[in-house]
Amino acid sequence: TLLVGTTEELYEGPLGKYNVNDMAK
C-alpha cells in the first residue's frame, strides 16, 4: 500500500483496525 496505494488506503486496509493518532498520520 505504501508503494502503490494511497494514505487513505493505508488507513482502510492494513491500519484499519488500529487507532492511528494525528501525529502518526
mmCIF file of all heavy atoms, coordinates in Angstrom:
data_MODEL
# 
_entry.id   MODEL 
# 
loop_
_atom_site.group_PDB 
_atom_site.id 
_atom_site.type_symbol 
_atom_site.label_atom_id 
_atom_site.label_alt_id 
_atom_site.label_comp_id 
_atom_site.label_asym_id 
_atom_site.label_entity_id 
_atom_site.label_seq_id 
_atom_site.pdbx_PDB_ins_code 
_atom_site.Cartn_x 
_atom_site.Cartn_y 
_atom_site.Cartn_z 
_atom_site.occupancy 
_atom_site.B_iso_or_equiv 
_atom_site.pdbx_formal_charge 
_atom_site.auth_seq_id 
_atom_site.auth_comp_id 
_atom_site.auth_asym_id 
_atom_site.auth_atom_id 
_atom_site.pdbx_PDB_model_num 
ATOM 1   N N   . THR A 1 1  ? 0.827   -1.203 0.000  1.00 0.00 ? 1  THR A N   1 
ATOM 2   C CA  . THR A 1 1  ? 0.000   0.000  0.000  1.00 0.00 ? 1  THR A CA  1 
ATOM 3   C C   . THR A 1 1  ? 0.863   1.255  0.000  1.00 0.00 ? 1  THR A C   1 
ATOM 4   O O   . THR A 1 1  ? 0.551   2.228  -0.689 1.00 0.00 ? 1  THR A O   1 
ATOM 5   C CB  . THR A 1 1  ? -0.969  -0.002 1.198  1.00 0.00 ? 1  THR A CB  1 
ATOM 6   O OG1 . THR A 1 1  ? -1.703  -1.230 1.194  1.00 0.00 ? 1  THR A OG1 1 
ATOM 7   C CG2 . THR A 1 1  ? -1.952  1.152  1.110  1.00 0.00 ? 1  THR A CG2 1 
ATOM 8   N N   . LEU A 1 2  ? 1.962   1.244  0.742  1.00 0.00 ? 2  LEU A N   1 
ATOM 9   C CA  . LEU A 1 2  ? 2.879   2.384  0.713  1.00 0.00 ? 2  LEU A CA  1 
ATOM 10  C C   . LEU A 1 2  ? 3.430   2.619  -0.684 1.00 0.00 ? 2  LEU A C   1 
ATOM 11  O O   . LEU A 1 2  ? 3.542   3.756  -1.139 1.00 0.00 ? 2  LEU A O   1 
ATOM 12  C CB  . LEU A 1 2  ? 4.054   2.169  1.675  1.00 0.00 ? 2  LEU A CB  1 
ATOM 13  C CG  . LEU A 1 2  ? 3.865   2.579  3.115  1.00 0.00 ? 2  LEU A CG  1 
ATOM 14  C CD1 . LEU A 1 2  ? 5.094   2.177  3.930  1.00 0.00 ? 2  LEU A CD1 1 
ATOM 15  C CD2 . LEU A 1 2  ? 3.615   4.067  3.256  1.00 0.00 ? 2  LEU A CD2 1 
ATOM 16  N N   . LEU A 1 3  ? 3.755   1.542  -1.371 1.00 0.00 ? 3  LEU A N   1 
ATOM 17  C CA  . LEU A 1 3  ? 4.377   1.673  -2.691 1.00 0.00 ? 3  LEU A CA  1 
ATOM 18  C C   . LEU A 1 3  ? 3.387   2.075  -3.778 1.00 0.00 ? 3  LEU A C   1 
ATOM 19  O O   . LEU A 1 3  ? 3.715   2.893  -4.635 1.00 0.00 ? 3  LEU A O   1 
ATOM 20  C CB  . LEU A 1 3  ? 5.072   0.368  -3.086 1.00 0.00 ? 3  LEU A CB  1 
ATOM 21  C CG  . LEU A 1 3  ? 6.356   0.060  -2.323 1.00 0.00 ? 3  LEU A CG  1 
ATOM 22  C CD1 . LEU A 1 3  ? 6.823   -1.359 -2.629 1.00 0.00 ? 3  LEU A CD1 1 
ATOM 23  C CD2 . LEU A 1 3  ? 7.447   1.061  -2.681 1.00 0.00 ? 3  LEU A CD2 1 
ATOM 24  N N   . VAL A 1 4  ? 2.210   1.502  -3.777 1.00 0.00 ? 4  VAL A N   1 
ATOM 25  C CA  . VAL A 1 4  ? 1.311   1.723  -4.915 1.00 0.00 ? 4  VAL A CA  1 
ATOM 26  C C   . VAL A 1 4  ? -0.077  2.235  -4.521 1.00 0.00 ? 4  VAL A C   1 
ATOM 27  O O   . VAL A 1 4  ? -0.902  2.482  -5.392 1.00 0.00 ? 4  VAL A O   1 
ATOM 28  C CB  . VAL A 1 4  ? 1.164   0.443  -5.772 1.00 0.00 ? 4  VAL A CB  1 
ATOM 29  C CG1 . VAL A 1 4  ? 2.492   0.044  -6.374 1.00 0.00 ? 4  VAL A CG1 1 
ATOM 30  C CG2 . VAL A 1 4  ? 0.580   -0.702 -4.966 1.00 0.00 ? 4  VAL A CG2 1 
ATOM 31  N N   . GLY A 1 5  ? -0.342  2.386  -3.240 1.00 0.00 ? 5  GLY A N   1 
ATOM 32  C CA  . GLY A 1 5  ? -1.657  2.835  -2.801 1.00 0.00 ? 5  GLY A CA  1 
ATOM 33  C C   . GLY A 1 5  ? -1.645  4.283  -2.368 1.00 0.00 ? 5  GLY A C   1 
ATOM 34  O O   . GLY A 1 5  ? -0.729  5.048  -2.670 1.00 0.00 ? 5  GLY A O   1 
ATOM 35  N N   . THR A 1 6  ? -2.687  4.639  -1.635 1.00 0.00 ? 6  THR A N   1 
ATOM 36  C CA  . THR A 1 6  ? -2.819  6.000  -1.104 1.00 0.00 ? 6  THR A CA  1 
ATOM 37  C C   . THR A 1 6  ? -2.789  5.934  0.419  1.00 0.00 ? 6  THR A C   1 
ATOM 38  O O   . THR A 1 6  ? -2.940  4.861  1.007  1.00 0.00 ? 6  THR A O   1 
ATOM 39  C CB  . THR A 1 6  ? -4.158  6.630  -1.538 1.00 0.00 ? 6  THR A CB  1 
ATOM 40  O OG1 . THR A 1 6  ? -5.237  5.883  -0.952 1.00 0.00 ? 6  THR A OG1 1 
ATOM 41  C CG2 . THR A 1 6  ? -4.305  6.644  -3.049 1.00 0.00 ? 6  THR A CG2 1 
ATOM 42  N N   . THR A 1 7  ? -2.630  7.087  1.049  1.00 0.00 ? 7  THR A N   1 
ATOM 43  C CA  . THR A 1 7  ? -2.651  7.104  2.512  1.00 0.00 ? 7  THR A CA  1 
ATOM 44  C C   . THR A 1 7  ? -4.027  6.679  3.022  1.00 0.00 ? 7  THR A C   1 
ATOM 45  O O   . THR A 1 7  ? -4.120  6.000  4.038  1.00 0.00 ? 7  THR A O   1 
ATOM 46  C CB  . THR A 1 7  ? -2.282  8.488  3.072  1.00 0.00 ? 7  THR A CB  1 
ATOM 47  O OG1 . THR A 1 7  ? -3.062  9.494  2.439  1.00 0.00 ? 7  THR A OG1 1 
ATOM 48  C CG2 . THR A 1 7  ? -0.810  8.793  2.869  1.00 0.00 ? 7  THR A CG2 1 
ATOM 49  N N   . GLU A 1 8  ? -5.078  7.042  2.302  1.00 0.00 ? 8  GLU A N   1 
ATOM 50  C CA  . GLU A 1 8  ? -6.415  6.625  2.702  1.00 0.00 ? 8  GLU A CA  1 
ATOM 51  C C   . GLU A 1 8  ? -6.528  5.103  2.680  1.00 0.00 ? 8  GLU A C   1 
ATOM 52  O O   . GLU A 1 8  ? -7.156  4.504  3.558  1.00 0.00 ? 8  GLU A O   1 
ATOM 53  C CB  . GLU A 1 8  ? -7.482  7.244  1.786  1.00 0.00 ? 8  GLU A CB  1 
ATOM 54  C CG  . GLU A 1 8  ? -7.639  8.742  1.953  1.00 0.00 ? 8  GLU A CG  1 
ATOM 55  C CD  . GLU A 1 8  ? -6.552  9.561  1.246  1.00 0.00 ? 8  GLU A CD  1 
ATOM 56  O OE1 . GLU A 1 8  ? -5.925  9.044  0.283  1.00 0.00 ? 8  GLU A OE1 1 
ATOM 57  O OE2 . GLU A 1 8  ? -6.304  10.700 1.663  1.00 0.00 ? 8  GLU A OE2 1 
ATOM 58  N N   . GLU A 1 9  ? -5.926  4.477  1.686  1.00 0.00 ? 9  GLU A N   1 
ATOM 59  C CA  . GLU A 1 9  ? -5.943  3.014  1.600  1.00 0.00 ? 9  GLU A CA  1 
ATOM 60  C C   . GLU A 1 9  ? -5.159  2.379  2.748  1.00 0.00 ? 9  GLU A C   1 
ATOM 61  O O   . GLU A 1 9  ? -5.485  1.284  3.193  1.00 0.00 ? 9  GLU A O   1 
ATOM 62  C CB  . GLU A 1 9  ? -5.406  2.546  0.243  1.00 0.00 ? 9  GLU A CB  1 
ATOM 63  C CG  . GLU A 1 9  ? -6.354  2.866  -0.897 1.00 0.00 ? 9  GLU A CG  1 
ATOM 64  C CD  . GLU A 1 9  ? -5.761  2.605  -2.271 1.00 0.00 ? 9  GLU A CD  1 
ATOM 65  O OE1 . GLU A 1 9  ? -4.532  2.771  -2.452 1.00 0.00 ? 9  GLU A OE1 1 
ATOM 66  O OE2 . GLU A 1 9  ? -6.539  2.243  -3.171 1.00 0.00 ? 9  GLU A OE2 1 
ATOM 67  N N   . LEU A 1 10 ? -4.132  3.074  3.235  1.00 0.00 ? 10 LEU A N   1 
ATOM 68  C CA  . LEU A 1 10 ? -3.400  2.579  4.402  1.00 0.00 ? 10 LEU A CA  1 
ATOM 69  C C   . LEU A 1 10 ? -4.322  2.497  5.615  1.00 0.00 ? 10 LEU A C   1 
ATOM 70  O O   . LEU A 1 10 ? -4.317  1.519  6.350  1.00 0.00 ? 10 LEU A O   1 
ATOM 71  C CB  . LEU A 1 10 ? -2.227  3.498  4.743  1.00 0.00 ? 10 LEU A CB  1 
ATOM 72  C CG  . LEU A 1 10 ? -0.926  3.323  3.999  1.00 0.00 ? 10 LEU A CG  1 
ATOM 73  C CD1 . LEU A 1 10 ? 0.035   4.445  4.362  1.00 0.00 ? 10 LEU A CD1 1 
ATOM 74  C CD2 . LEU A 1 10 ? -0.306  1.982  4.287  1.00 0.00 ? 10 LEU A CD2 1 
ATOM 75  N N   . TYR A 1 11 ? -5.114  3.558  5.817  1.00 0.00 ? 11 TYR A N   1 
ATOM 76  C CA  . TYR A 1 11 ? -5.996  3.607  6.987  1.00 0.00 ? 11 TYR A CA  1 
ATOM 77  C C   . TYR A 1 11 ? -7.168  2.646  6.856  1.00 0.00 ? 11 TYR A C   1 
ATOM 78  O O   . TYR A 1 11 ? -7.644  2.114  7.856  1.00 0.00 ? 11 TYR A O   1 
ATOM 79  C CB  . TYR A 1 11 ? -6.512  5.032  7.221  1.00 0.00 ? 11 TYR A CB  1 
ATOM 80  C CG  . TYR A 1 11 ? -5.408  6.055  7.327  1.00 0.00 ? 11 TYR A CG  1 
ATOM 81  C CD1 . TYR A 1 11 ? -5.451  7.232  6.612  1.00 0.00 ? 11 TYR A CD1 1 
ATOM 82  C CD2 . TYR A 1 11 ? -4.292  5.828  8.129  1.00 0.00 ? 11 TYR A CD2 1 
ATOM 83  C CE1 . TYR A 1 11 ? -4.428  8.175  6.702  1.00 0.00 ? 11 TYR A CE1 1 
ATOM 84  C CE2 . TYR A 1 11 ? -3.272  6.753  8.216  1.00 0.00 ? 11 TYR A CE2 1 
ATOM 85  C CZ  . TYR A 1 11 ? -3.346  7.926  7.500  1.00 0.00 ? 11 TYR A CZ  1 
ATOM 86  O OH  . TYR A 1 11 ? -2.337  8.845  7.587  1.00 0.00 ? 11 TYR A OH  1 
ATOM 87  N N   . GLU A 1 12 ? -7.625  2.412  5.645  1.00 0.00 ? 12 GLU A N   1 
ATOM 88  C CA  . GLU A 1 12 ? -8.743  1.497  5.426  1.00 0.00 ? 12 GLU A CA  1 
ATOM 89  C C   . GLU A 1 12 ? -8.287  0.043  5.383  1.00 0.00 ? 12 GLU A C   1 
ATOM 90  O O   . GLU A 1 12 ? -9.041  -0.854 5.742  1.00 0.00 ? 12 GLU A O   1 
ATOM 91  C CB  . GLU A 1 12 ? -9.458  1.844  4.121  1.00 0.00 ? 12 GLU A CB  1 
ATOM 92  C CG  . GLU A 1 12 ? -10.143 3.194  4.146  1.00 0.00 ? 12 GLU A CG  1 
ATOM 93  C CD  . GLU A 1 12 ? -10.597 3.665  2.772  1.00 0.00 ? 12 GLU A CD  1 
ATOM 94  O OE1 . GLU A 1 12 ? -10.433 2.916  1.790  1.00 0.00 ? 12 GLU A OE1 1 
ATOM 95  O OE2 . GLU A 1 12 ? -11.110 4.793  2.686  1.00 0.00 ? 12 GLU A OE2 1 
ATOM 96  N N   . GLY A 1 13 ? -7.051  -0.181 4.936  1.00 0.00 ? 13 GLY A N   1 
ATOM 97  C CA  . GLY A 1 13 ? -6.539  -1.535 4.773  1.00 0.00 ? 13 GLY A CA  1 
ATOM 98  C C   . GLY A 1 13 ? -5.731  -2.006 5.959  1.00 0.00 ? 13 GLY A C   1 
ATOM 99  O O   . GLY A 1 13 ? -6.297  -2.337 7.012  1.00 0.00 ? 13 GLY A O   1 
ATOM 100 N N   . PRO A 1 14 ? -4.398  -2.029 5.816  1.00 0.00 ? 14 PRO A N   1 
ATOM 101 C CA  . PRO A 1 14 ? -3.563  -2.630 6.866  1.00 0.00 ? 14 PRO A CA  1 
ATOM 102 C C   . PRO A 1 14 ? -3.676  -1.949 8.231  1.00 0.00 ? 14 PRO A C   1 
ATOM 103 O O   . PRO A 1 14 ? -3.513  -2.599 9.259  1.00 0.00 ? 14 PRO A O   1 
ATOM 104 C CB  . PRO A 1 14 ? -2.143  -2.524 6.307  1.00 0.00 ? 14 PRO A CB  1 
ATOM 105 C CG  . PRO A 1 14 ? -2.196  -1.551 5.197  1.00 0.00 ? 14 PRO A CG  1 
ATOM 106 C CD  . PRO A 1 14 ? -3.600  -1.543 4.696  1.00 0.00 ? 14 PRO A CD  1 
ATOM 107 N N   . LEU A 1 15 ? -3.959  -0.669 8.258  1.00 0.00 ? 15 LEU A N   1 
ATOM 108 C CA  . LEU A 1 15 ? -4.049  0.039  9.537  1.00 0.00 ? 15 LEU A CA  1 
ATOM 109 C C   . LEU A 1 15 ? -5.491  0.197  10.012 1.00 0.00 ? 15 LEU A C   1 
ATOM 110 O O   . LEU A 1 15 ? -5.748  0.843  11.031 1.00 0.00 ? 15 LEU A O   1 
ATOM 111 C CB  . LEU A 1 15 ? -3.391  1.426  9.421  1.00 0.00 ? 15 LEU A CB  1 
ATOM 112 C CG  . LEU A 1 15 ? -1.901  1.417  9.107  1.00 0.00 ? 15 LEU A CG  1 
ATOM 113 C CD1 . LEU A 1 15 ? -1.401  2.835  8.880  1.00 0.00 ? 15 LEU A CD1 1 
ATOM 114 C CD2 . LEU A 1 15 ? -1.121  0.740  10.217 1.00 0.00 ? 15 LEU A CD2 1 
ATOM 115 N N   . GLY A 1 16 ? -6.425  -0.405 9.301  1.00 0.00 ? 16 GLY A N   1 
ATOM 116 C CA  . GLY A 1 16 ? -7.839  -0.221 9.577  1.00 0.00 ? 16 GLY A CA  1 
ATOM 117 C C   . GLY A 1 16 ? -8.284  -0.588 10.978 1.00 0.00 ? 16 GLY A C   1 
ATOM 118 O O   . GLY A 1 16 ? -9.187  0.032  11.533 1.00 0.00 ? 16 GLY A O   1 
ATOM 119 N N   . LYS A 1 17 ? -7.649  -1.568 11.575 1.00 0.00 ? 17 LYS A N   1 
ATOM 120 C CA  . LYS A 1 17 ? -8.076  -1.986 12.918 1.00 0.00 ? 17 LYS A CA  1 
ATOM 121 C C   . LYS A 1 17 ? -7.328  -1.275 14.045 1.00 0.00 ? 17 LYS A C   1 
ATOM 122 O O   . LYS A 1 17 ? -7.532  -1.562 15.212 1.00 0.00 ? 17 LYS A O   1 
ATOM 123 C CB  . LYS A 1 17 ? -7.943  -3.503 13.070 1.00 0.00 ? 17 LYS A CB  1 
ATOM 124 C CG  . LYS A 1 17 ? -6.531  -4.036 13.016 1.00 0.00 ? 17 LYS A CG  1 
ATOM 125 C CD  . LYS A 1 17 ? -6.529  -5.552 13.172 1.00 0.00 ? 17 LYS A CD  1 
ATOM 126 C CE  . LYS A 1 17 ? -5.131  -6.114 13.173 1.00 0.00 ? 17 LYS A CE  1 
ATOM 127 N NZ  . LYS A 1 17 ? -5.141  -7.555 13.374 1.00 0.00 ? 17 LYS A NZ  1 
ATOM 128 N N   . TYR A 1 18 ? -6.477  -0.322 13.677 1.00 0.00 ? 18 TYR A N   1 
ATOM 129 C CA  . TYR A 1 18 ? -5.690  0.401  14.670 1.00 0.00 ? 18 TYR A CA  1 
ATOM 130 C C   . TYR A 1 18 ? -6.166  1.841  14.776 1.00 0.00 ? 18 TYR A C   1 
ATOM 131 O O   . TYR A 1 18 ? -6.631  2.440  13.811 1.00 0.00 ? 18 TYR A O   1 
ATOM 132 C CB  . TYR A 1 18 ? -4.201  0.385  14.308 1.00 0.00 ? 18 TYR A CB  1 
ATOM 133 C CG  . TYR A 1 18 ? -3.647  -1.008 14.214 1.00 0.00 ? 18 TYR A CG  1 
ATOM 134 C CD1 . TYR A 1 18 ? -3.483  -1.629 12.979 1.00 0.00 ? 18 TYR A CD1 1 
ATOM 135 C CD2 . TYR A 1 18 ? -3.310  -1.714 15.365 1.00 0.00 ? 18 TYR A CD2 1 
ATOM 136 C CE1 . TYR A 1 18 ? -2.986  -2.926 12.900 1.00 0.00 ? 18 TYR A CE1 1 
ATOM 137 C CE2 . TYR A 1 18 ? -2.822  -3.004 15.288 1.00 0.00 ? 18 TYR A CE2 1 
ATOM 138 C CZ  . TYR A 1 18 ? -2.660  -3.603 14.051 1.00 0.00 ? 18 TYR A CZ  1 
ATOM 139 O OH  . TYR A 1 18 ? -2.183  -4.874 13.974 1.00 0.00 ? 18 TYR A OH  1 
ATOM 140 N N   . ASN A 1 19 ? -6.011  2.409  15.966 1.00 0.00 ? 19 ASN A N   1 
ATOM 141 C CA  . ASN A 1 19 ? -6.332  3.807  16.189 1.00 0.00 ? 19 ASN A CA  1 
ATOM 142 C C   . ASN A 1 19 ? -5.064  4.614  15.887 1.00 0.00 ? 19 ASN A C   1 
ATOM 143 O O   . ASN A 1 19 ? -4.157  4.679  16.724 1.00 0.00 ? 19 ASN A O   1 
ATOM 144 C CB  . ASN A 1 19 ? -6.796  4.019  17.633 1.00 0.00 ? 19 ASN A CB  1 
ATOM 145 C CG  . ASN A 1 19 ? -7.181  5.455  17.905 1.00 0.00 ? 19 ASN A CG  1 
ATOM 146 O OD1 . ASN A 1 19 ? -7.423  6.223  16.984 1.00 0.00 ? 19 ASN A OD1 1 
ATOM 147 N ND2 . ASN A 1 19 ? -7.229  5.812  19.174 1.00 0.00 ? 19 ASN A ND2 1 
ATOM 148 N N   . VAL A 1 20 ? -5.003  5.189  14.705 1.00 0.00 ? 20 VAL A N   1 
ATOM 149 C CA  . VAL A 1 20 ? -3.820  5.940  14.279 1.00 0.00 ? 20 VAL A CA  1 
ATOM 150 C C   . VAL A 1 20 ? -4.005  7.398  14.700 1.00 0.00 ? 20 VAL A C   1 
ATOM 151 O O   . VAL A 1 20 ? -4.923  8.069  14.231 1.00 0.00 ? 20 VAL A O   1 
ATOM 152 C CB  . VAL A 1 20 ? -3.622  5.832  12.750 1.00 0.00 ? 20 VAL A CB  1 
ATOM 153 C CG1 . VAL A 1 20 ? -2.376  6.591  12.321 1.00 0.00 ? 20 VAL A CG1 1 
ATOM 154 C CG2 . VAL A 1 20 ? -3.544  4.370  12.318 1.00 0.00 ? 20 VAL A CG2 1 
ATOM 155 N N   . ASN A 1 21 ? -3.128  7.869  15.589 1.00 0.00 ? 21 ASN A N   1 
ATOM 156 C CA  . ASN A 1 21 ? -3.264  9.254  16.072 1.00 0.00 ? 21 ASN A CA  1 
ATOM 157 C C   . ASN A 1 21 ? -2.801  10.244 15.002 1.00 0.00 ? 21 ASN A C   1 
ATOM 158 O O   . ASN A 1 21 ? -2.227  9.875  13.981 1.00 0.00 ? 21 ASN A O   1 
ATOM 159 C CB  . ASN A 1 21 ? -2.518  9.453  17.399 1.00 0.00 ? 21 ASN A CB  1 
ATOM 160 C CG  . ASN A 1 21 ? -1.019  9.332  17.264 1.00 0.00 ? 21 ASN A CG  1 
ATOM 161 O OD1 . ASN A 1 21 ? -0.425  9.817  16.309 1.00 0.00 ? 21 ASN A OD1 1 
ATOM 162 N ND2 . ASN A 1 21 ? -0.392  8.698  18.235 1.00 0.00 ? 21 ASN A ND2 1 
ATOM 163 N N   . ASP A 1 22 ? -3.081  11.509 15.256 1.00 0.00 ? 22 ASP A N   1 
ATOM 164 C CA  . ASP A 1 22 ? -2.804  12.553 14.267 1.00 0.00 ? 22 ASP A CA  1 
ATOM 165 C C   . ASP A 1 22 ? -1.324  12.677 13.924 1.00 0.00 ? 22 ASP A C   1 
ATOM 166 O O   . ASP A 1 22 ? -0.968  12.898 12.772 1.00 0.00 ? 22 ASP A O   1 
ATOM 167 C CB  . ASP A 1 22 ? -3.339  13.906 14.754 1.00 0.00 ? 22 ASP A CB  1 
ATOM 168 C CG  . ASP A 1 22 ? -4.860  13.965 14.748 1.00 0.00 ? 22 ASP A CG  1 
ATOM 169 O OD1 . ASP A 1 22 ? -5.487  13.151 14.026 1.00 0.00 ? 22 ASP A OD1 1 
ATOM 170 O OD2 . ASP A 1 22 ? -5.422  14.807 15.466 1.00 0.00 ? 22 ASP A OD2 1 
ATOM 171 N N   . MET A 1 23 ? -0.458  12.535 14.926 1.00 0.00 ? 23 MET A N   1 
ATOM 172 C CA  . MET A 1 23 ? 0.988   12.632 14.660 1.00 0.00 ? 23 MET A CA  1 
ATOM 173 C C   . MET A 1 23 ? 1.463   11.475 13.785 1.00 0.00 ? 23 MET A C   1 
ATOM 174 O O   . MET A 1 23 ? 2.273   11.665 12.878 1.00 0.00 ? 23 MET A O   1 
ATOM 175 C CB  . MET A 1 23 ? 1.773   12.660 15.976 1.00 0.00 ? 23 MET A CB  1 
ATOM 176 C CG  . MET A 1 23 ? 1.579   13.939 16.781 1.00 0.00 ? 23 MET A CG  1 
ATOM 177 S SD  . MET A 1 23 ? 2.279   15.388 15.957 1.00 0.00 ? 23 MET A SD  1 
ATOM 178 C CE  . MET A 1 23 ? 4.007   15.107 16.258 1.00 0.00 ? 23 MET A CE  1 
ATOM 179 N N   . ALA A 1 24 ? 0.946   10.280 14.051 1.00 0.00 ? 24 ALA A N   1 
ATOM 180 C CA  . ALA A 1 24 ? 1.308   9.128  13.227 1.00 0.00 ? 24 ALA A CA  1 
ATOM 181 C C   . ALA A 1 24 ? 0.776   9.310  11.803 1.00 0.00 ? 24 ALA A C   1 
ATOM 182 O O   . ALA A 1 24 ? 1.460   8.962  10.833 1.00 0.00 ? 24 ALA A O   1 
ATOM 183 C CB  . ALA A 1 24 ? 0.762   7.839  13.839 1.00 0.00 ? 24 ALA A CB  1 
ATOM 184 N N   . LYS A 1 25 ? -0.427  9.864  11.671 1.00 0.00 ? 25 LYS A N   1 
ATOM 185 C CA  . LYS A 1 25 ? -0.977  10.130 10.337 1.00 0.00 ? 25 LYS A CA  1 
ATOM 186 C C   . LYS A 1 25 ? -0.110  11.127 9.581  1.00 0.00 ? 25 LYS A C   1 
ATOM 187 O O   . LYS A 1 25 ? 0.141   10.964 8.385  1.00 0.00 ? 25 LYS A O   1 
ATOM 188 C CB  . LYS A 1 25 ? -2.416  10.655 10.443 1.00 0.00 ? 25 LYS A CB  1 
ATOM 189 C CG  . LYS A 1 25 ? -3.419  9.584  10.780 1.00 0.00 ? 25 LYS A CG  1 
ATOM 190 C CD  . LYS A 1 25 ? -4.834  10.142 10.827 1.00 0.00 ? 25 LYS A CD  1 
ATOM 191 C CE  . LYS A 1 25 ? -5.816  9.038  11.157 1.00 0.00 ? 25 LYS A CE  1 
ATOM 192 N NZ  . LYS A 1 25 ? -7.202  9.514  11.217 1.00 0.00 ? 25 LYS A NZ  1 
# 
